[in-house]
Protein backbone atom coordinates (compact mmCIF):
# COMPACT_ATOMS: atom_id res chain seq x y z
CA UNK A 1 -0.01 0.01 -0.01
CA UNK A 2 1.47 3.33 -1.11
CA UNK A 3 0.33 6.92 -0.57
CA UNK A 4 -1.05 8.57 -3.71
CA UNK A 5 -1.51 12.18 -4.84
CA UNK A 6 -3.23 13.47 -7.96
CA UNK A 7 -0.91 15.39 -10.25
CA UNK A 8 -1.70 17.38 -13.39
CA UNK A 9 1.04 19.48 -14.95
CA UNK A 10 0.70 22.95 -16.45
CA UNK A 11 1.97 21.56 -19.73
CA UNK A 12 -0.83 18.96 -19.77
CA UNK A 13 -3.41 21.59 -18.83
CA UNK A 14 -2.24 23.92 -21.60
CA UNK A 15 -2.37 21.10 -24.16
CA UNK A 16 -5.91 20.18 -23.11
CA UNK A 17 -7.05 23.80 -23.29
CA UNK A 18 -5.68 24.05 -26.82
CA UNK A 19 -7.39 20.83 -27.85
CA UNK A 20 -10.75 21.93 -26.45
CA UNK A 21 -10.38 25.38 -28.02
CA UNK A 22 -9.67 23.92 -31.45
CA UNK A 23 -12.63 21.51 -31.45
CA UNK A 24 -14.93 21.88 -34.46
CA UNK A 25 -18.54 21.48 -33.36
CA UNK A 26 -20.80 19.42 -35.65
CA UNK A 27 -24.12 20.59 -36.98
CA UNK A 28 -27.25 20.05 -34.91
CA UNK A 29 -30.73 19.39 -36.40
CA UNK A 30 -32.47 22.64 -35.55
CA UNK A 31 -32.76 23.88 -32.00
CA UNK A 32 -33.29 20.38 -30.65
CA UNK A 33 -31.82 20.95 -27.20
CA UNK A 34 -31.27 17.64 -25.41
CA UNK A 35 -33.75 15.64 -27.48
CA UNK A 36 -31.09 14.14 -29.77
CA UNK A 37 -28.24 13.92 -27.28
CA UNK A 38 -25.99 16.46 -25.58
CA UNK A 39 -27.28 20.01 -26.07
CA UNK A 40 -24.88 22.04 -28.25
CA UNK A 41 -25.38 25.31 -26.37
CA UNK A 42 -24.60 23.70 -23.01
CA UNK A 43 -21.55 21.95 -24.40
CA UNK A 44 -20.24 25.13 -26.05
CA UNK A 45 -20.73 27.04 -22.82
CA UNK A 46 -18.90 24.42 -20.80
CA UNK A 47 -16.06 24.09 -23.31
CA UNK A 48 -15.50 27.87 -23.36
CA UNK A 49 -15.13 27.75 -19.58
CA UNK A 50 -12.95 24.60 -19.78
CA UNK A 51 -10.53 26.22 -22.24
CA UNK A 52 -10.47 29.52 -20.35
CA UNK A 53 -11.41 30.10 -16.73
CA UNK A 54 -11.41 26.53 -15.40
CA UNK A 55 -8.78 26.35 -12.64
CA UNK A 56 -6.86 23.10 -13.10
CA UNK A 57 -4.73 23.72 -10.00
CA UNK A 58 -7.84 24.15 -7.85
CA UNK A 59 -9.23 20.92 -9.31
CA UNK A 60 -6.09 19.03 -8.29
CA UNK A 61 -6.25 20.48 -4.76
CA UNK A 62 -9.89 19.43 -4.49
CA UNK A 63 -9.13 15.90 -5.71
CA UNK A 64 -6.35 15.64 -3.10
CA UNK A 65 -8.64 16.70 -0.24
CA UNK A 66 -8.78 13.21 1.26
CA UNK A 67 -6.02 10.66 1.90
CA UNK A 68 -5.52 8.31 -1.04
CA UNK A 69 -3.45 5.21 -1.70
CA UNK A 70 -2.76 2.47 -4.24
CA UNK A 71 -2.35 -1.24 -3.65
CA UNK A 72 -1.47 -4.19 -5.87
CA UNK A 73 -3.87 -7.14 -5.62
CA UNK A 74 -3.49 -10.12 -7.93
CA UNK A 75 -1.60 -7.96 -10.43
CA UNK A 76 -4.28 -5.25 -10.48
CA UNK A 77 -3.47 -1.75 -9.23
CA UNK A 78 -6.31 -0.36 -7.14
CA UNK A 79 -6.55 3.31 -6.22
CA UNK A 80 -8.67 4.13 -3.20
CA UNK A 81 -9.55 6.85 -0.73
CA UNK A 82 -9.23 5.90 2.93
CA UNK A 83 -10.52 8.32 5.55
CA UNK A 84 -10.32 7.06 9.13
CA UNK A 85 -13.34 8.33 11.01
CA UNK A 86 -13.62 9.46 14.60
CA UNK A 87 -15.11 6.16 15.91
CA UNK A 88 -11.84 4.18 15.95
CA UNK A 89 -12.67 1.93 13.02
CA UNK A 90 -15.90 0.55 14.47
CA UNK A 91 -17.87 0.96 11.23
CA UNK A 92 -15.76 0.52 8.07
CA UNK A 93 -17.85 1.50 5.05
CA UNK A 94 -16.92 0.65 1.46
CA UNK A 95 -18.49 3.05 -1.06
CA UNK A 96 -18.54 1.74 -4.64
CA UNK A 97 -19.22 4.06 -7.56
CA UNK A 98 -20.37 3.27 -11.09
CA UNK A 99 -20.29 4.86 -14.57
CA UNK A 100 -19.91 7.71 -15.33
CA UNK A 101 -19.11 8.17 -11.66
CA UNK A 102 -15.88 8.18 -9.69
CA UNK A 103 -14.59 8.46 -6.15
CA UNK A 104 -15.28 12.20 -6.47
CA UNK A 105 -19.07 11.78 -6.55
CA UNK A 106 -18.91 10.85 -2.85
CA UNK A 107 -16.88 13.94 -1.86
CA UNK A 108 -19.90 15.95 -0.56
CA UNK A 109 -20.71 13.13 1.90
CA UNK A 110 -17.27 12.05 3.16
CA UNK A 111 -16.81 14.49 6.04
CA UNK A 112 -20.33 13.95 7.39
CA UNK A 113 -19.80 10.18 7.28
CA UNK A 114 -16.34 10.19 8.87
CA UNK A 115 -16.63 13.13 11.26
CA UNK A 116 -20.28 13.60 12.24
CA UNK A 117 -19.42 15.62 15.36
CA UNK A 118 -18.11 18.40 13.10
CA UNK A 119 -21.54 18.55 11.52
CA UNK A 120 -23.70 18.58 14.64
CA UNK A 121 -23.83 14.77 15.01
CA UNK A 122 -22.32 12.21 17.37
CA UNK A 123 -18.83 10.74 17.05
CA UNK A 124 -20.21 7.23 17.62
CA UNK A 125 -22.06 7.51 14.30
CA UNK A 126 -18.79 7.79 12.36
CA UNK A 127 -17.61 5.47 9.62
CA UNK A 128 -14.18 4.71 8.30
CA UNK A 129 -14.73 5.60 4.63
CA UNK A 130 -13.09 3.61 1.86
CA UNK A 131 -13.76 4.57 -1.77
CA UNK A 132 -11.95 2.57 -4.47
CA UNK A 133 -11.75 3.48 -8.14
CA UNK A 134 -13.08 0.59 -10.19
CA UNK A 135 -10.47 -1.25 -12.29
CA UNK A 136 -10.04 0.69 -15.53
CA UNK A 137 -11.47 3.85 -13.95
CA UNK A 138 -9.74 6.93 -12.58
CA UNK A 139 -6.37 6.20 -11.03
CA UNK A 140 -6.79 2.42 -10.78
CA UNK A 141 -4.83 0.40 -13.28
CA UNK A 142 -6.28 -0.92 -16.50
CA UNK A 143 -7.49 -4.53 -16.23
CA UNK A 144 -5.49 -6.93 -18.38
CA UNK A 145 -8.73 -8.56 -19.51
CA UNK A 146 -12.48 -8.02 -19.22
CA UNK A 147 -13.45 -7.93 -15.55
CA UNK A 148 -17.10 -8.47 -14.50
CA UNK A 149 -18.70 -7.43 -11.17
CA UNK A 150 -18.04 -10.74 -9.34
CA UNK A 151 -14.30 -10.49 -10.03
CA UNK A 152 -14.15 -6.84 -8.99
CA UNK A 153 -16.00 -7.75 -5.81
CA UNK A 154 -13.32 -10.31 -4.94
CA UNK A 155 -10.59 -7.69 -5.39
CA UNK A 156 -12.48 -5.23 -3.18
CA UNK A 157 -12.98 -7.87 -0.49
CA UNK A 158 -9.24 -8.56 -0.49
CA UNK A 159 -8.58 -4.80 -0.30
CA UNK A 160 -10.76 -4.50 2.79
CA UNK A 161 -9.56 -7.60 4.60
CA UNK A 162 -5.95 -8.14 3.55
CA UNK A 163 -4.73 -4.62 2.79
CA UNK A 164 -6.74 -2.54 5.27
CA UNK A 165 -7.30 -5.19 7.95
CA UNK A 166 -11.09 -5.00 8.29
CA UNK A 167 -12.44 -8.47 9.02
CA UNK A 168 -16.03 -7.35 8.47
CA UNK A 169 -17.39 -4.22 6.88
CA UNK A 170 -20.40 -2.43 5.39
CA UNK A 171 -20.91 -1.85 1.66
CA UNK A 172 -22.84 0.81 -0.24
CA UNK A 173 -23.09 0.57 -4.00
CA UNK A 174 -24.54 2.85 -6.67
CA UNK A 175 -24.86 2.11 -10.39
CA UNK A 176 -22.19 -0.58 -11.13
CA UNK A 177 -21.44 -0.50 -7.41
CA UNK A 178 -24.84 -2.11 -6.83
CA UNK A 179 -23.91 -5.16 -8.90
CA UNK A 180 -20.43 -5.35 -7.43
CA UNK A 181 -21.82 -5.08 -3.91
CA UNK A 182 -24.50 -7.68 -4.64
CA UNK A 183 -21.92 -10.18 -5.83
CA UNK A 184 -19.76 -9.44 -2.81
CA UNK A 185 -22.79 -10.29 -0.67
CA UNK A 186 -23.21 -13.56 -2.57
CA UNK A 187 -19.55 -14.61 -2.79
CA UNK A 188 -18.10 -13.05 0.40
CA UNK A 189 -21.06 -12.99 2.77
CA UNK A 190 -18.83 -13.79 5.73
CA UNK A 191 -17.07 -10.42 5.25
CA UNK A 192 -20.13 -8.17 4.83
CA UNK A 193 -22.04 -6.87 7.82
CA UNK A 194 -24.55 -5.23 5.52
CA UNK A 195 -25.28 -4.05 1.98
CA UNK A 196 -26.92 -0.75 0.99
CA UNK A 197 -28.09 -0.16 -2.60
CA UNK A 198 -30.13 2.33 -4.59
CA UNK A 199 -31.34 0.20 -7.47
CA UNK A 200 -32.02 -3.46 -8.04
CA UNK A 201 -29.12 -4.44 -10.27
CA UNK A 202 -29.48 -8.20 -9.76
CA UNK A 203 -32.96 -9.67 -10.04
CA UNK A 204 -34.30 -13.12 -9.10
CA UNK A 205 -33.94 -15.70 -11.83
CA UNK A 206 -37.71 -16.32 -11.95
CA UNK A 207 -38.81 -12.66 -12.13
CA UNK A 208 -41.37 -11.39 -12.94
CA UNK A 209 -43.87 -13.55 -11.06
CA UNK A 210 -46.92 -11.27 -10.73
CA UNK A 211 -48.57 -8.27 -12.30
CA UNK A 212 -46.80 -5.75 -10.06
CA UNK A 213 -43.43 -7.09 -11.07
CA UNK A 214 -44.45 -7.24 -14.75
CA UNK A 215 -45.47 -3.58 -14.70
CA UNK A 216 -42.13 -2.60 -13.19
CA UNK A 217 -40.16 -4.66 -15.73
CA UNK A 218 -42.12 -2.95 -18.51
CA UNK A 219 -41.45 0.48 -17.02
CA UNK A 220 -37.75 -0.38 -16.76
CA UNK A 221 -37.72 -1.57 -20.36
CA UNK A 222 -39.41 1.66 -21.49
CA UNK A 223 -36.81 3.75 -19.64
CA UNK A 224 -34.04 1.62 -21.12
CA UNK A 225 -35.39 2.17 -24.63
CA UNK A 226 -35.51 5.91 -24.04
CA UNK A 227 -32.28 6.40 -22.09
CA UNK A 228 -30.22 3.25 -22.59
CA UNK A 229 -28.67 3.53 -26.05
CA UNK A 230 -25.26 4.26 -24.47
CA UNK A 231 -25.48 1.01 -22.46
CA UNK A 232 -26.32 -1.18 -25.42
CA UNK A 233 -23.43 0.30 -27.40
CA UNK A 234 -20.96 -0.03 -24.53
CA UNK A 235 -22.03 -3.65 -23.97
CA UNK A 236 -21.88 -4.79 -27.59
CA UNK A 237 -19.71 -2.44 -29.72
CA UNK A 238 -17.30 -1.03 -27.20
CA UNK A 239 -14.27 -1.04 -29.51
CA UNK A 240 -16.02 0.94 -32.25
CA UNK A 241 -16.96 3.52 -29.63
CA UNK A 242 -13.33 3.56 -28.50
CA UNK A 243 -12.11 4.70 -31.92
CA UNK A 244 -14.46 7.69 -31.77
CA UNK A 245 -13.78 8.65 -28.15
CA UNK A 246 -10.10 7.94 -27.52
CA UNK A 247 -8.14 11.16 -27.12
CA UNK A 248 -11.24 13.31 -27.73
CA UNK A 249 -12.01 15.30 -24.55
CA UNK A 250 -14.98 17.21 -25.97
CA UNK A 251 -16.59 14.03 -27.27
CA UNK A 252 -16.08 12.35 -23.89
CA UNK A 253 -17.53 15.38 -22.13
CA UNK A 254 -20.63 15.31 -24.34
CA UNK A 255 -21.16 11.58 -23.70
CA UNK A 256 -20.86 12.03 -19.94
CA UNK A 257 -22.81 15.30 -19.69
CA UNK A 258 -25.80 13.67 -21.35
CA UNK A 259 -25.88 11.15 -18.53
CA UNK A 260 -25.88 13.89 -15.88
CA UNK A 261 -28.67 15.69 -17.72
CA UNK A 262 -30.84 12.62 -18.27
CA UNK A 263 -30.29 10.90 -14.92
CA UNK A 264 -30.16 13.67 -12.33
CA UNK A 265 -33.25 15.03 -10.60
CA UNK A 266 -33.03 18.42 -12.33
CA UNK A 267 -36.56 19.38 -11.27
CA UNK A 268 -37.02 21.42 -14.41
CA UNK A 269 -33.79 23.39 -13.99
CA UNK A 270 -30.99 23.65 -16.60
CA UNK A 271 -28.06 21.33 -16.06
CA UNK A 272 -25.63 24.16 -15.35
CA UNK A 273 -27.93 25.54 -12.63
CA UNK A 274 -28.11 22.17 -10.89
CA UNK A 275 -24.41 21.26 -11.09
CA UNK A 276 -21.59 23.78 -11.14
CA UNK A 277 -19.28 23.91 -14.13
CA UNK A 278 -16.39 22.99 -11.86
CA UNK A 279 -18.14 19.88 -10.56
CA UNK A 280 -19.15 18.67 -14.01
CA UNK A 281 -15.71 19.30 -15.49
CA UNK A 282 -13.92 17.64 -12.59
CA UNK A 283 -16.15 14.61 -13.08
CA UNK A 284 -15.26 14.58 -16.78
CA UNK A 285 -11.57 15.20 -16.10
CA UNK A 286 -11.33 12.02 -14.04
CA UNK A 287 -11.87 10.18 -17.32
CA UNK A 288 -9.94 12.57 -19.58
CA UNK A 289 -6.81 13.13 -17.46
CA UNK A 290 -6.45 9.42 -16.70
CA UNK A 291 -7.23 8.25 -20.24
CA UNK A 292 -9.79 5.80 -18.89
CA UNK A 293 -12.95 6.63 -20.82
CA UNK A 294 -12.42 3.60 -23.07
CA UNK A 295 -11.36 1.13 -20.36
CA UNK A 296 -14.24 2.21 -18.12
CA UNK A 297 -16.73 1.01 -20.74
CA UNK A 298 -15.26 -2.50 -20.77
CA UNK A 299 -17.29 -3.27 -17.66
CA UNK A 300 -20.49 -3.21 -19.73
CA UNK A 301 -19.14 -5.84 -22.11
CA UNK A 302 -17.77 -7.95 -19.26
CA UNK A 303 -21.05 -7.89 -17.33
CA UNK A 304 -23.05 -8.77 -20.43
CA UNK A 305 -20.87 -11.81 -21.07
CA UNK A 306 -21.04 -12.90 -17.42
CA UNK A 307 -24.84 -12.39 -17.14
CA UNK A 308 -24.18 -10.72 -13.80
CA UNK A 309 -27.54 -8.93 -13.63
CA UNK A 310 -29.43 -12.12 -12.74
CA UNK A 311 -29.11 -13.92 -9.42
CA UNK A 312 -28.01 -17.56 -9.69
CA UNK A 313 -30.98 -19.92 -9.68
CA UNK A 314 -32.30 -20.51 -6.20
CA UNK A 315 -30.03 -17.91 -4.59
CA UNK A 316 -30.83 -14.75 -2.66
CA UNK A 317 -28.73 -12.06 -0.97
CA UNK A 318 -28.87 -13.01 2.70
CA UNK A 319 -26.67 -10.17 3.96
CA UNK A 320 -28.83 -7.55 5.78
CA UNK A 321 -29.74 -5.14 3.00
CA UNK A 322 -30.91 -1.54 2.90
CA UNK A 323 -32.62 -0.03 -0.13
CA UNK A 324 -32.87 3.71 -0.81
CA UNK A 325 -35.53 4.83 -3.32
CA UNK A 326 -34.71 8.03 -5.20
CA UNK A 327 -36.62 9.63 -8.09
CA UNK A 328 -33.95 8.37 -10.50
CA UNK A 329 -34.99 8.86 -14.16
CA UNK A 330 -32.67 6.04 -15.24
CA UNK A 331 -33.58 3.38 -12.67
CA UNK A 332 -37.19 3.55 -11.41
CA UNK A 333 -37.66 2.16 -7.91
CA UNK A 334 -38.84 -1.47 -7.98
CA UNK A 335 -41.73 -2.93 -6.00
CA UNK A 336 -40.67 -3.58 -2.43
CA UNK A 337 -41.88 -7.17 -2.80
CA UNK A 338 -39.36 -7.77 -5.59
CA UNK A 339 -36.50 -6.41 -3.49
CA UNK A 340 -37.61 -8.66 -0.62
CA UNK A 341 -37.45 -11.69 -2.93
CA UNK A 342 -33.93 -10.73 -4.04
CA UNK A 343 -32.51 -9.60 -0.68
CA UNK A 344 -32.77 -9.91 3.07
CA UNK A 345 -34.36 -6.47 3.23
CA UNK A 346 -34.18 -4.77 6.63
CA UNK A 347 -34.20 -1.07 5.69
CA UNK A 348 -36.34 0.77 3.13
CA UNK A 349 -35.86 4.50 2.58
CA UNK A 350 -37.96 6.71 0.31
CA UNK A 351 -36.81 10.16 -0.84
CA UNK A 352 -38.68 12.83 -2.79
CA UNK A 353 -35.59 14.55 -4.27
CA UNK A 354 -32.34 13.26 -5.74
CA UNK A 355 -31.76 11.29 -8.93
CA UNK A 356 -28.99 8.93 -10.03
CA UNK A 357 -26.23 10.72 -8.09
CA UNK A 358 -27.54 11.00 -4.49
CA UNK A 359 -24.18 11.69 -2.75
CA UNK A 360 -23.73 14.71 -5.03
CA UNK A 361 -27.35 15.79 -5.46
CA UNK A 362 -28.65 15.23 -1.92
CA UNK A 363 -25.67 14.52 0.37
CA UNK A 364 -27.54 15.12 3.65
CA UNK A 365 -30.34 12.72 2.74
CA UNK A 366 -27.79 10.22 1.43
CA UNK A 367 -25.82 10.28 4.69
CA UNK A 368 -29.03 10.06 6.71
CA UNK A 369 -30.19 6.97 4.84
CA UNK A 370 -26.82 5.26 5.28
CA UNK A 371 -26.84 5.98 9.00
CA UNK A 372 -30.41 4.73 9.45
CA UNK A 373 -29.48 1.47 7.69
CA UNK A 374 -26.16 1.00 9.48
CA UNK A 375 -27.67 1.73 12.90
CA UNK A 376 -30.04 -1.21 12.50
CA UNK A 377 -27.07 -3.49 11.83
CA UNK A 378 -24.42 -2.20 14.21
CA UNK A 379 -26.55 -1.19 17.21
């Protein structure tokens, strides 16, 4: 295990600014806004800021706000954040991001989770917070071959137990983190004290079994048809996408920004009034500066080949599970009965605001839901 710091040179920043500035924008069919993909006006606005006022040095300082490390596990380099909370390691919590997320999406919640007494809470509620970058994402190394959620889960379990010394720990997953956490609960149940998720990434093999479940599966299919073109492409034609995206920061930004626009709970507000330019660009930069946009998409292909979205026949997640329902445009909340068939459900939280990125969109509610779930397990 080695200490790690984010670095980004002035030379690299200047080269990126020049590349963004020289980008030739394609035509757009009329004033179509977001209806055909990333809105041209929003992208032009963001790129002008990116090539001009965006403070790369401030971004690096922000990304280095919390202690970070790397470790080698089975030939795979894993980058991770490790913040020791004020409760002496009593509640280690592994936070697992997805795509197009990163460790950074949890930043707004880290201090409240690790140091609640600084935020009007009690020290006993603190967690040790561990946030790894998925293999092929951010500052983790590129996988040597396709790596599906079960395999990533094994690496993360070894990180927690063998590198950090936590015999048992809690897991929260969002997006791909849900599937990784679910497979950790299946394959490493002895290590997990509890699992907290915000969508049902792994469904029972026999679903749907009733009309309620059928309606939800149809709703999910409708959302997938409307918002899931990126996923189908990344799962089936990932290399063709790579040729278009590799080394193209503006193209990568457009692809990622569309996800933030379509999946966040914007509540009728423009994207740039909901998320700051700095936050959006820092999120994009964690793919651009690390050259991991392409390798991050490999997870879609790997999961498709491994059929990791369906629970093995006759199996259920027996680890105590918490489910947080958010008004996520991408992943509509499932019937509680379906979650109960898939998991040992012992916490159910419902929230009126916050979309696909709760730690960023609604950090207070996110932290509150995690605490409510963890208190039921660790009391």
